[in-house]
Protein backbone atom coordinates (compact mmCIF):
# COMPACT_ATOMS: atom_id res chain seq x y z
CA MET A 1 -17.90 66.73 -8.46
CA LYS A 2 -15.93 67.56 -5.32
CA LYS A 3 -12.22 66.76 -5.41
CA LYS A 4 -11.07 64.34 -2.72
CA SER A 5 -8.39 65.68 -0.42
CA SER A 6 -5.04 63.94 -0.61
CA TYR A 7 -4.88 64.40 3.18
CA ARG A 8 -7.91 62.19 3.77
CA GLY A 9 -7.22 59.43 6.28
CA LEU A 10 -3.72 60.59 7.20
CA GLN A 11 -4.66 61.47 10.78
CA THR A 12 -7.77 59.37 11.46
CA ASP A 13 -6.27 57.59 14.48
CA ILE A 14 -4.35 60.54 15.95
CA ARG A 15 -6.50 60.72 19.10
CA ASP A 16 -5.58 57.10 19.83
CA LEU A 17 -1.83 57.70 19.41
CA LYS A 18 -0.06 55.97 22.32
CA THR A 19 2.33 58.56 23.71
CA PRO A 20 4.77 58.18 26.62
CA THR A 21 3.38 58.90 30.09
CA LEU A 22 3.73 62.40 31.49
CA ASP A 23 4.70 62.05 35.15
CA THR A 24 3.76 64.50 37.87
CA TRP A 25 4.74 65.32 41.42
CA GLU A 26 2.61 66.64 44.26
CA ASN A 27 2.34 70.41 44.47
CA MET A 28 2.97 71.61 48.03
CA TYR A 29 1.35 74.97 47.23
CA PRO A 30 -2.05 74.02 45.75
CA ASP A 31 -3.64 76.91 47.67
CA LYS A 32 -1.53 79.44 45.70
CA LYS A 33 -2.08 80.58 42.13
CA TYR A 34 1.24 80.75 40.29
CA THR A 35 2.23 80.21 36.67
CA VAL A 36 4.80 77.74 35.38
CA THR A 37 6.25 78.38 31.91
CA ILE A 38 8.08 75.69 29.95
CA GLU A 39 9.65 76.40 26.57
CA ILE A 40 10.81 73.67 24.22
CA PRO A 41 12.81 75.33 21.41
CA GLU A 42 13.83 72.15 19.59
CA PHE A 43 10.55 70.31 18.99
CA THR A 44 10.57 68.08 15.90
CA CYS A 45 7.94 66.00 14.14
CA ILE A 46 7.34 64.78 10.59
CA CYS A 47 4.96 66.25 8.02
CA PRO A 48 2.51 63.42 7.30
CA LYS A 49 2.10 64.62 3.71
CA THR A 50 5.74 65.06 2.62
CA GLY A 51 7.68 63.01 5.16
CA LEU A 52 9.95 66.02 5.76
CA PRO A 53 10.85 67.19 9.28
CA ASP A 54 8.95 70.03 10.92
CA PHE A 55 10.62 72.14 13.61
CA ALA A 56 8.89 74.24 16.25
CA THR A 57 9.10 75.96 19.59
CA ILE A 58 6.45 74.64 21.98
CA LYS A 59 5.50 76.81 24.94
CA ILE A 60 3.48 75.48 27.87
CA GLN A 61 2.14 77.85 30.51
CA TYR A 62 0.03 76.48 33.32
CA ILE A 63 -1.35 77.17 36.78
CA PRO A 64 -0.99 73.94 38.73
CA ASP A 65 -3.53 72.57 41.13
CA LYS A 66 -2.57 69.39 42.99
CA TYR A 67 0.15 68.26 40.56
CA CYS A 68 3.12 69.71 38.69
CA LEU A 69 4.67 68.29 35.55
CA GLU A 70 7.89 66.30 35.95
CA LEU A 71 10.30 67.64 33.32
CA LYS A 72 12.29 64.48 32.58
CA SER A 73 9.12 62.70 31.50
CA LEU A 74 8.25 65.74 29.36
CA LYS A 75 11.61 65.41 27.59
CA TYR A 76 10.89 61.77 26.71
CA TYR A 77 7.35 62.66 25.72
CA ILE A 78 8.47 65.45 23.37
CA ASN A 79 11.24 63.32 21.82
CA PHE A 80 8.61 60.70 20.96
CA TYR A 81 7.19 63.02 18.29
CA ARG A 82 10.43 63.26 16.29
CA ASN A 83 9.48 60.24 14.16
CA ILE A 84 5.71 60.78 14.11
CA GLY A 85 3.86 62.09 11.07
CA ILE A 86 1.41 64.62 12.51
CA PHE A 87 -0.16 67.90 11.44
CA HIS A 88 0.73 71.02 13.47
CA GLU A 89 -2.83 71.44 14.72
CA HIS A 90 -2.94 67.85 15.91
CA VAL A 91 0.39 68.18 17.74
CA ILE A 92 -0.92 70.94 19.98
CA ASN A 93 -4.27 69.26 20.59
CA LYS A 94 -2.64 65.92 21.45
CA ILE A 95 -0.13 67.53 23.83
CA MET A 96 -2.99 69.43 25.48
CA GLU A 97 -5.09 66.30 25.98
CA ASP A 98 -2.18 64.38 27.48
CA PHE A 99 -1.16 67.33 29.69
CA ILE A 100 -4.67 67.80 31.11
CA LYS A 101 -5.00 64.07 31.77
CA ALA A 102 -1.69 63.97 33.67
CA CYS A 103 -1.64 67.27 35.59
CA LYS A 104 -5.28 68.33 35.90
CA PRO A 105 -4.21 72.01 36.00
CA ARG A 106 -6.36 74.98 36.93
CA TRP A 107 -5.42 76.56 33.60
CA VAL A 108 -3.06 75.79 30.73
CA ARG A 109 -2.10 77.35 27.39
CA ILE A 110 -0.02 75.44 24.86
CA GLU A 111 1.43 77.22 21.84
CA GLY A 112 3.32 75.84 18.89
CA GLU A 113 5.33 78.17 16.68
CA PHE A 114 6.38 76.10 13.68
CA ASN A 115 9.30 77.20 11.51
CA PRO A 116 8.42 78.49 8.04
CA ARG A 117 8.19 75.94 5.26
CA GLY A 118 7.60 77.09 1.72
CA GLY A 119 7.26 80.65 2.97
CA ILE A 120 4.44 79.83 5.40
CA LYS A 121 4.75 79.98 9.19
CA THR A 122 2.18 78.20 11.35
CA MET A 123 1.28 79.11 14.93
CA VAL A 124 -1.24 76.99 16.83
CA MET A 125 -2.52 77.78 20.33
CA ARG A 126 -5.02 76.06 22.59
CA GLU A 127 -6.15 77.11 26.05
CA TYR A 128 -7.98 75.21 28.80
CA LYS A 129 -9.51 76.34 32.07
CA ALA A 130 -10.77 73.84 34.64
CA LYS A 131 -14.32 74.17 35.88
CA LYS A 132 -14.61 75.91 39.22
CA ARG A 133 -14.57 73.64 42.21
């Protein structure tokens, strides 16, 4: 008999999580390929299993197309997670989905480097490249 995971059902609605809107502004150089790097060294969320805080550095690198990310909205967006129970892997995937929806970049990489807990450090990275136009 297979043992049921105690994690079952903890993140079943994570894709439907209503996060704050990420605002953008019009890129005046959409004909140029350049990289924007944003580092968030004080990211916080909650472990859905223990209820304890998780701390991480989130790094976003992207090549904009028509839109660039407005940083004030990113600050509100990131602060939203401080009271959310979410697994590390889901954090990065959710941020990526919301970022792509808002900015529609040519390319983006989002990395999460989570502080060690119980002697284990987690690093999660996802990359996206838009289809050629």
